[in-house]
Amino acid sequence: MAWEELLSIAAENRIYRAEEAATDPTSCPNDGHPLSTGPDGWLYCVYDGWRPLGAPAMPG
């Protein structure tokens, strides 16, 4: 693999990371399970209670 190809891959990865950071998560990063909407309207993982950054703690 040439250095130019490696630099191209790195640039493409930066684009993917920026796109991912700009969208809401759809699955839990801990277990990959799809996120559900809680009673407060925020996303959460039903298995471990993970919530996206900025989401308040689960009520109850």
PDB file of N, CA and C in Angstrom:
ATOM      1  N   MET A   1       0.856  -1.174   0.000  1.00  0.00           N
ATOM      2  CA  MET A   1       0.000   0.000   0.000  1.00  0.00           C
ATOM      3  C   MET A   1       0.898   1.232   0.000  1.00  0.00           C
ATOM      4  N   ALA A   2       0.600   2.156  -0.844  1.00  0.00           N
ATOM      5  CA  ALA A   2       1.376   3.390  -0.945  1.00  0.00           C
ATOM      6  C   ALA A   2       0.924   4.383   0.121  1.00  0.00           C
ATOM      7  N   TRP A   3       1.824   5.295   0.465  1.00  0.00           N
ATOM      8  CA  TRP A   3       1.504   6.312   1.474  1.00  0.00           C
ATOM      9  C   TRP A   3       0.315   7.159   1.048  1.00  0.00           C
ATOM     10  N   GLU A   4       0.172   7.399  -0.244  1.00  0.00           N
ATOM     11  CA  GLU A   4      -0.954   8.203  -0.724  1.00  0.00           C
ATOM     12  C   GLU A   4      -2.280   7.503  -0.428  1.00  0.00           C
ATOM     13  N   GLU A   5      -2.299   6.187  -0.567  1.00  0.00           N
ATOM     14  CA  GLU A   5      -3.515   5.432  -0.259  1.00  0.00           C
ATOM     15  C   GLU A   5      -3.834   5.499   1.235  1.00  0.00           C
ATOM     16  N   LEU A   6      -2.810   5.400   2.062  1.00  0.00           N
ATOM     17  CA  LEU A   6      -3.003   5.483   3.505  1.00  0.00           C
ATOM     18  C   LEU A   6      -3.531   6.858   3.908  1.00  0.00           C
ATOM     19  N   LEU A   7      -2.992   7.909   3.318  1.00  0.00           N
ATOM     20  CA  LEU A   7      -3.483   9.261   3.603  1.00  0.00           C
ATOM     21  C   LEU A   7      -4.927   9.432   3.148  1.00  0.00           C
ATOM     22  N   SER A   8      -5.284   8.822   2.023  1.00  0.00           N
ATOM     23  CA  SER A   8      -6.658   8.882   1.534  1.00  0.00           C
ATOM     24  C   SER A   8      -7.616   8.181   2.503  1.00  0.00           C
ATOM     25  N   ILE A   9      -7.193   7.035   3.027  1.00  0.00           N
ATOM     26  CA  ILE A   9      -8.017   6.308   3.990  1.00  0.00           C
ATOM     27  C   ILE A   9      -8.196   7.130   5.265  1.00  0.00           C
ATOM     28  N   ALA A  10      -7.136   7.763   5.729  1.00  0.00           N
ATOM     29  CA  ALA A  10      -7.212   8.593   6.932  1.00  0.00           C
ATOM     30  C   ALA A  10      -8.162   9.770   6.726  1.00  0.00           C
ATOM     31  N   ALA A  11      -8.113  10.392   5.561  1.00  0.00           N
ATOM     32  CA  ALA A  11      -9.014  11.508   5.268  1.00  0.00           C
ATOM     33  C   ALA A  11     -10.465  11.033   5.221  1.00  0.00           C
ATOM     34  N   GLU A  12     -10.695   9.871   4.645  1.00  0.00           N
ATOM     35  CA  GLU A  12     -12.044   9.315   4.586  1.00  0.00           C
ATOM     36  C   GLU A  12     -12.559   9.010   5.999  1.00  0.00           C
ATOM     37  N   ASN A  13     -11.690   8.495   6.864  1.00  0.00           N
ATOM     38  CA  ASN A  13     -12.085   8.214   8.241  1.00  0.00           C
ATOM     39  C   ASN A  13     -12.465   9.486   8.994  1.00  0.00           C
ATOM     40  N   ARG A  14     -11.777  10.583   8.740  1.00  0.00           N
ATOM     41  CA  ARG A  14     -12.134  11.859   9.376  1.00  0.00           C
ATOM     42  C   ARG A  14     -13.535  12.290   8.963  1.00  0.00           C
ATOM     43  N   ILE A  15     -13.874  12.082   7.708  1.00  0.00           N
ATOM     44  CA  ILE A  15     -15.210  12.435   7.216  1.00  0.00           C
ATOM     45  C   ILE A  15     -16.264  11.576   7.920  1.00  0.00           C
ATOM     46  N   TYR A  16     -16.015  10.264   8.027  1.00  0.00           N
ATOM     47  CA  TYR A  16     -16.965   9.363   8.689  1.00  0.00           C
ATOM     48  C   TYR A  16     -17.157   9.738  10.161  1.00  0.00           C
ATOM     49  N   ARG A  17     -16.055  10.061  10.850  1.00  0.00           N
ATOM     50  CA  ARG A  17     -16.161  10.442  12.269  1.00  0.00           C
ATOM     51  C   ARG A  17     -16.973  11.717  12.433  1.00  0.00           C
ATOM     52  N   ALA A  18     -16.783  12.692  11.547  1.00  0.00           N
ATOM     53  CA  ALA A  18     -17.537  13.939  11.624  1.00  0.00           C
ATOM     54  C   ALA A  18     -19.024  13.692  11.381  1.00  0.00           C
ATOM     55  N   GLU A  19     -19.348  12.843  10.412  1.00  0.00           N
ATOM     56  CA  GLU A  19     -20.752  12.519  10.136  1.00  0.00           C
ATOM     57  C   GLU A  19     -21.385  11.811  11.320  1.00  0.00           C
ATOM     58  N   GLU A  20     -20.660  10.879  11.919  1.00  0.00           N
ATOM     59  CA  GLU A  20     -21.188  10.134  13.056  1.00  0.00           C
ATOM     60  C   GLU A  20     -21.406  11.038  14.262  1.00  0.00           C
ATOM     61  N   ALA A  21     -20.503  11.975  14.478  1.00  0.00           N
ATOM     62  CA  ALA A  21     -20.622  12.886  15.610  1.00  0.00           C
ATOM     63  C   ALA A  21     -21.800  13.852  15.437  1.00  0.00           C
ATOM     64  N   ALA A  22     -22.206  14.112  14.199  1.00  0.00           N
ATOM     65  CA  ALA A  22     -23.278  15.062  13.925  1.00  0.00           C
ATOM     66  C   ALA A  22     -24.671  14.435  13.987  1.00  0.00           C
ATOM     67  N   THR A  23     -24.752  13.117  14.115  1.00  0.00           N
ATOM     68  CA  THR A  23     -26.057  12.457  14.140  1.00  0.00           C
ATOM     69  C   THR A  23     -26.314  11.828  15.509  1.00  0.00           C
ATOM     70  N   ASP A  24     -27.571  11.628  15.822  1.00  0.00           N
ATOM     71  CA  ASP A  24     -27.931  10.959  17.069  1.00  0.00           C
ATOM     72  C   ASP A  24     -27.605   9.474  16.961  1.00  0.00           C
ATOM     73  N   PRO A  25     -27.195   8.859  18.067  1.00  0.00           N
ATOM     74  CA  PRO A  25     -26.901   7.428  18.025  1.00  0.00           C
ATOM     75  C   PRO A  25     -28.183   6.621  17.810  1.00  0.00           C
ATOM     76  N   THR A  26     -28.039   5.459  17.186  1.00  0.00           N
ATOM     77  CA  THR A  26     -29.189   4.582  16.966  1.00  0.00           C
ATOM     78  C   THR A  26     -29.051   3.280  17.730  1.00  0.00           C
ATOM     79  N   SER A  27     -27.827   2.995  18.223  1.00  0.00           N
ATOM     80  CA  SER A  27     -27.612   1.767  18.986  1.00  0.00           C
ATOM     81  C   SER A  27     -26.663   2.039  20.147  1.00  0.00           C
ATOM     82  N   CYS A  28     -26.744   1.182  21.148  1.00  0.00           N
ATOM     83  CA  CYS A  28     -25.912   1.307  22.346  1.00  0.00           C
ATOM     84  C   CYS A  28     -24.460   0.970  21.994  1.00  0.00           C
ATOM     85  N   PRO A  29     -23.500   1.824  22.373  1.00  0.00           N
ATOM     86  CA  PRO A  29     -22.107   1.507  22.079  1.00  0.00           C
ATOM     87  C   PRO A  29     -21.571   0.351  22.918  1.00  0.00           C
ATOM     88  N   ASN A  30     -22.241   0.003  24.003  1.00  0.00           N
ATOM     89  CA  ASN A  30     -21.775  -1.076  24.872  1.00  0.00           C
ATOM     90  C   ASN A  30     -22.156  -2.457  24.351  1.00  0.00           C
ATOM     91  N   ASP A  31     -23.376  -2.578  23.807  1.00  0.00           N
ATOM     92  CA  ASP A  31     -23.835  -3.900  23.384  1.00  0.00           C
ATOM     93  C   ASP A  31     -24.444  -3.932  21.985  1.00  0.00           C
ATOM     94  N   GLY A  32     -24.579  -2.798  21.331  1.00  0.00           N
ATOM     95  CA  GLY A  32     -25.099  -2.758  19.968  1.00  0.00           C
ATOM     96  C   GLY A  32     -26.600  -2.878  19.852  1.00  0.00           C
ATOM     97  N   HIS A  33     -27.309  -2.948  20.983  1.00  0.00           N
ATOM     98  CA  HIS A  33     -28.764  -3.075  20.965  1.00  0.00           C
ATOM     99  C   HIS A  33     -29.374  -1.743  20.523  1.00  0.00           C
ATOM    100  N   PRO A  34     -30.431  -1.770  19.685  1.00  0.00           N
ATOM    101  CA  PRO A  34     -31.086  -0.518  19.274  1.00  0.00           C
ATOM    102  C   PRO A  34     -31.611   0.243  20.492  1.00  0.00           C
ATOM    103  N   LEU A  35     -31.504   1.557  20.451  1.00  0.00           N
ATOM    104  CA  LEU A  35     -31.967   2.390  21.552  1.00  0.00           C
ATOM    105  C   LEU A  35     -33.478   2.552  21.509  1.00  0.00           C
ATOM    106  N   SER A  36     -34.067   2.684  22.676  1.00  0.00           N
ATOM    107  CA  SER A  36     -35.503   2.905  22.817  1.00  0.00           C
ATOM    108  C   SER A  36     -35.729   4.314  23.346  1.00  0.00           C
ATOM    109  N   THR A  37     -36.940   4.802  23.187  1.00  0.00           N
ATOM    110  CA  THR A  37     -37.289   6.108  23.731  1.00  0.00           C
ATOM    111  C   THR A  37     -37.888   5.921  25.113  1.00  0.00           C
ATOM    112  N   GLY A  38     -37.324   6.630  26.093  1.00  0.00           N
ATOM    113  CA  GLY A  38     -37.792   6.522  27.466  1.00  0.00           C
ATOM    114  C   GLY A  38     -39.040   7.344  27.702  1.00  0.00           C
ATOM    115  N   PRO A  39     -39.609   7.273  28.895  1.00  0.00           N
ATOM    116  CA  PRO A  39     -40.815   8.017  29.215  1.00  0.00           C
ATOM    117  C   PRO A  39     -40.608   9.529  29.182  1.00  0.00           C
ATOM    118  N   ASP A  40     -39.345   9.950  29.282  1.00  0.00           N
ATOM    119  CA  ASP A  40     -39.052  11.382  29.227  1.00  0.00           C
ATOM    120  C   ASP A  40     -38.727  11.857  27.815  1.00  0.00           C
ATOM    121  N   GLY A  41     -38.799  10.937  26.832  1.00  0.00           N
ATOM    122  CA  GLY A  41     -38.562  11.302  25.439  1.00  0.00           C
ATOM    123  C   GLY A  41     -37.112  11.167  24.998  1.00  0.00           C
ATOM    124  N   TRP A  42     -36.204  10.813  25.884  1.00  0.00           N
ATOM    125  CA  TRP A  42     -34.789  10.651  25.550  1.00  0.00           C
ATOM    126  C   TRP A  42     -34.494   9.193  25.206  1.00  0.00           C
ATOM    127  N   LEU A  43     -33.474   8.988  24.374  1.00  0.00           N
ATOM    128  CA  LEU A  43     -33.067   7.642  24.010  1.00  0.00           C
ATOM    129  C   LEU A  43     -32.320   6.973  25.158  1.00  0.00           C
ATOM    130  N   TYR A  44     -32.461   5.640  25.262  1.00  0.00           N
ATOM    131  CA  TYR A  44     -31.722   4.879  26.260  1.00  0.00           C
ATOM    132  C   TYR A  44     -31.631   3.418  25.831  1.00  0.00           C
ATOM    133  N   CYS A  45     -30.707   2.680  26.434  1.00  0.00           N
ATOM    134  CA  CYS A  45     -30.549   1.250  26.182  1.00  0.00           C
ATOM    135  C   CYS A  45     -31.322   0.489  27.250  1.00  0.00           C
ATOM    136  N   VAL A  46     -32.200  -0.414  26.831  1.00  0.00           N
ATOM    137  CA  VAL A  46     -33.019  -1.153  27.787  1.00  0.00           C
ATOM    138  C   VAL A  46     -32.202  -2.142  28.612  1.00  0.00           C
ATOM    139  N   TYR A  47     -31.025  -2.543  28.135  1.00  0.00           N
ATOM    140  CA  TYR A  47     -30.225  -3.535  28.855  1.00  0.00           C
ATOM    141  C   TYR A  47     -29.349  -2.941  29.942  1.00  0.00           C
ATOM    142  N   ASP A  48     -28.643  -1.874  29.645  1.00  0.00           N
ATOM    143  CA  ASP A  48     -27.729  -1.334  30.655  1.00  0.00           C
ATOM    144  C   ASP A  48     -28.030   0.111  31.045  1.00  0.00           C
ATOM    145  N   GLY A  49     -29.067   0.709  30.464  1.00  0.00           N
ATOM    146  CA  GLY A  49     -29.459   2.057  30.837  1.00  0.00           C
ATOM    147  C   GLY A  49     -28.604   3.159  30.243  1.00  0.00           C
ATOM    148  N   TRP A  50     -27.703   2.820  29.312  1.00  0.00           N
ATOM    149  CA  TRP A  50     -26.845   3.826  28.697  1.00  0.00           C
ATOM    150  C   TRP A  50     -27.693   4.897  28.031  1.00  0.00           C
ATOM    151  N   ARG A  51     -27.263   6.155  28.168  1.00  0.00           N
ATOM    152  CA  ARG A  51     -27.940   7.282  27.526  1.00  0.00           C
ATOM    153  C   ARG A  51     -26.913   8.138  26.812  1.00  0.00           C
ATOM    154  N   PRO A  52     -27.288   8.773  25.695  1.00  0.00           N
ATOM    155  CA  PRO A  52     -26.355   9.644  24.992  1.00  0.00           C
ATOM    156  C   PRO A  52     -25.888  10.804  25.878  1.00  0.00           C
ATOM    157  N   LEU A  53     -24.735  11.361  25.566  1.00  0.00           N
ATOM    158  CA  LEU A  53     -24.234  12.506  26.309  1.00  0.00           C
ATOM    159  C   LEU A  53     -25.254  13.640  26.281  1.00  0.00           C
ATOM    160  N   GLY A  54     -25.444  14.282  27.390  1.00  0.00           N
ATOM    161  CA  GLY A  54     -26.389  15.381  27.483  1.00  0.00           C
ATOM    162  C   GLY A  54     -27.775  14.967  27.914  1.00  0.00           C
ATOM    163  N   ALA A  55     -28.063  13.668  27.887  1.00  0.00           N
ATOM    164  CA  ALA A  55     -29.384  13.181  28.309  1.00  0.00           C
ATOM    165  C   ALA A  55     -29.426  13.137  29.820  1.00  0.00           C
ATOM    166  N   PRO A  56     -30.561  13.509  30.414  1.00  0.00           N
ATOM    167  CA  PRO A  56     -30.671  13.434  31.864  1.00  0.00           C
ATOM    168  C   PRO A  56     -30.734  11.983  32.341  1.00  0.00           C
ATOM    169  N   ALA A  57     -30.525  11.772  33.623  1.00  0.00           N
ATOM    170  CA  ALA A  57     -30.609  10.421  34.184  1.00  0.00           C
ATOM    171  C   ALA A  57     -32.028   9.896  34.030  1.00  0.00           C
ATOM    172  N   MET A  58     -32.152   8.575  33.945  1.00  0.00           N
ATOM    173  CA  MET A  58     -33.488   7.965  33.815  1.00  0.00           C
ATOM    174  C   MET A  58     -34.334   8.294  35.043  1.00  0.00           C
ATOM    175  N   PRO A  59     -35.583   8.660  34.814  1.00  0.00           N
ATOM    176  CA  PRO A  59     -36.464   8.932  35.957  1.00  0.00           C
ATOM    177  C   PRO A  59     -36.798   7.639  36.704  1.00  0.00           C
ATOM    178  N   GLY A  60     -37.042   7.798  37.974  1.00  0.00           N
ATOM    179  CA  GLY A  60     -37.537   6.672  38.732  1.00  0.00           C
ATOM    180  C   GLY A  60     -36.539   6.013  39.550  1.00  0.00           C
TER     181      GLY A  60
END
